[in-house]
């Protein structure tokens, strides 16, 4: 079983090795093809000296061959630069040692074909792979496994006792380590490219370290020859020594040593584990690894060391009742110290110009921040008062990020954890964790940290993030904009979240002037900080990302201030009016964010109106028409948005100005609509039963708004006004079709049309909208697309037709005109006559106004009248009414025919006269 497992591992290893070599062989073939192209093109002389050919065959892998486009053509007869460098390294009269050396070539041969050179190079490369890389890799694995097999054989055969077997294994491991060092010191060097990964001294050292690890563990865990303390010390020493040996043998060996060092505490069992011994040992391993990784600039090794230390810290904290706070703080402090004082000691300098951030610092940032989160929100730690040390850890992380700019991930981790902690104290959806149970989630109950201590800690953390964020943003804004924006963002996000959480938890949600004063101080601090940062920009006062974050934070703080200090009605009004402030600020500063802050005010006011359309609550809304909270609640924001759009049009302009224009038009419509609904429902605006009269007023408002937007656009052209006016017109047409003709039509609902003969519901719902739509169609001609005017004209014609038809119905039926009351013969005849009259009127208006839409509508209406006469009147009417119906229809049709003939004759005469002139 064991041998089968070893065989499987060996097969997998060989498969991986062969796959890598296939890729490298393909690369060499492409390089030789490029070299051949150079030779054939004359860039490299085809006449090769014997020594040059010998060198080319033996060192084909030594220096990469550049692409043809990257090599300047050399003079005929001069050797290629790559071959010159090779000759300087290896004497011309010597060949490369080893079984892959090329045979000696006589000087009498004048030239060698390029194809032969490429074939010889390919053959030598395969020999090189077989004789160097594969042999070394498989040999190293065999040595390591051989030591284990030797120990196993002696156990099975009973040749030696346990002590002798372990001694032999230890001696074998030491011999392999010594052999690797001996070969390295004797000047081991193979001048063949691609075998750095098969460096024999490193592989021998790794095999020896592997055997030594197994020997010490067997001496402790299997035979009990040594105690836990000695085994722990020996395993740690082997791991650290292996990491140190990586300075001369490469990063792979350091990884082996680090893995061995990190798993040592798992291998050594103890009845009474000592956290100080564990974390003291991990601190030594981490510091040693940091020094070595810094000397060789090994990012992966450093990240792995931080990861192993962090995992041990979190595993230890899961045993929350028995966890030692001092030990946790020690390892977190050592982690941050190694990061700041060792790993980042010379990377990018103090200003961090080498890059935005150092990616290995992500790992300690996550683990240290997670341990701070556990100390703050876990019930056991929080009950013990460990939230304060957790906050200190967060402050230290921010300090390290300030001291080492490349440690920017520490800022993100600290900011995110702080936000989670203070969102977690807001009842009833508190974020809590249970390290002892290994869980982190939302438990729906306040955690133990929601007390006076969390209030004081929140104030301290908020001040730290504000000060550090603004100072660092100004420090980096001219040289590293992403870093400056990051500091500015967390410098406003964290204090705002803390303020919101403390207000929800400890403040008065109805009105709290203390928290409102704190929010006002944040407004002033962020506004001044944004100006302070902007003056350090290059060029100055351009209002980049960092300034935008800070000024956006000032806007959010202002929003919180209004919510904390005022009730619902005044908050909505003041929020709408506040949109003027950033627009006015554009007179002095052209920061792009100012216009978008005004747009954000629009979004907030819209949200409040959607949440509570009554502005002050239904129980506090007066029943007085017009002069109630709805007028200032919607009207003041409409005026403020209009003024902000006007101001932005004269300063920064751009998309915010268009958005503010649209918002002003929208709130103007909302003001009228809400006032109408309030008046028609006796002070209630949330009735679920809309009436046709109410809808008629909305339609008139929409049509009027379309005309106003067109007029404003004529004086101050704007795409928002142009498309907004068309959108309002389309909305009006939709209202007419859906509400007036279908849903709320009194013919279907049997709603009362009123007792007054003329000024009744039909007049309000059909005639007035018809006049308004017709007027807007005329006004928009030449100012808007043809389809827009045609649509409005058609709506006007349909509304006029509906008004006339329904008025006839009311004349016969009275106040209620529901269609289930039936039709009389005289009423039926009246409809036919009326439709013919309307058709003629539409035809006349279409010719006079030169409107094809009205002429087509006339033809359609007359066609409907014809169908009615022949299909309905013929069967339903009797006597004189039937005769009059057909006589009237015939007379109208003949009159229309004569009318069109006269029009055509007149047009022909005018065309003839124009031709003669």
Foldseek 3Di string as FASTA:
>chain_A
DVVVVVVVVLVVVVVVLVVVLVVVLVVLLVQLVQVLVCCVVQLAAQFDFQLLLQLCQQAVQQDGRDHPVVADRDDHPDHGPVSVVSCVVPPSVDHFDDPLGDDRDDRVDGGDRSVVSSVSNSVSSVVCCVVFAVCLVSVLSCLLVVLVVQLVVCVVVVPDDLVVSLVVLLVSLVVLLVVLVVCVVVPDDHSYHPRLVSNNSLSSNLSSLSSQLVSLLCCPVPVNVDALVVSLVSQLVSLLVQLVVCLVNNDVSNVSSLVSNLCSVVSRDDPDDDLCVVLVSLLVSLLSQLQSCQVVVPLVSNLVSLQSLLVVLLVLCLQVVPHDPVSSLVNLVSNLCSVQCRNLVPQCPQLNPNDQARVSLLSSLQSLLVVLLCCQFAQSNVVVVSNVVSLVSLLVLLVSCNRRVNSLSNLVSSLVSLLLSLVQQQAQFHWHAHSNVPGTGTDRHGGSNLDVVLVVSLVVVLVSLLVSLLVVLLVCQAPRVVSSLSSLQSNLVNNVSSLVSCCNRPNDQAAGQVSLVVLQVLLVSLVVSLQSSQCSYVVHQQQDNSSLNSNVSSLVSNLVSLSRHDHQLVSLLVLLLCLLVLLVVLVPGLHVNSLVSSVVSLVVSVVSCVVPVQRHDLVPWDLDQPPTSLCSSLVSSLVNLVVSLVSCCVGNDDDSSLSSVLSNLVSVLVSQLQRLCSNVVRRDNPDPDDALLSLLSSLLSLLVSLVVLLVVCVVPPDPSSQVVSLVSLVVSLVSCVDPCVHDRPLQAVQDFQDQDLAPTSLCSRQVVLLVSLLVSLVVCVVVHDPVSSLSSPVSSLVSVLVSVLVSLQCVVVNGGRHPVVDDDLVSLLVNLLVLLVSLVVLCVVCVVVVPPSSPVVSVVSLVVSVCCLVPPNVPRPDDPSNVVSVVSNVVSVVVVVVVVVVVVVVVVVVVVVVVVD
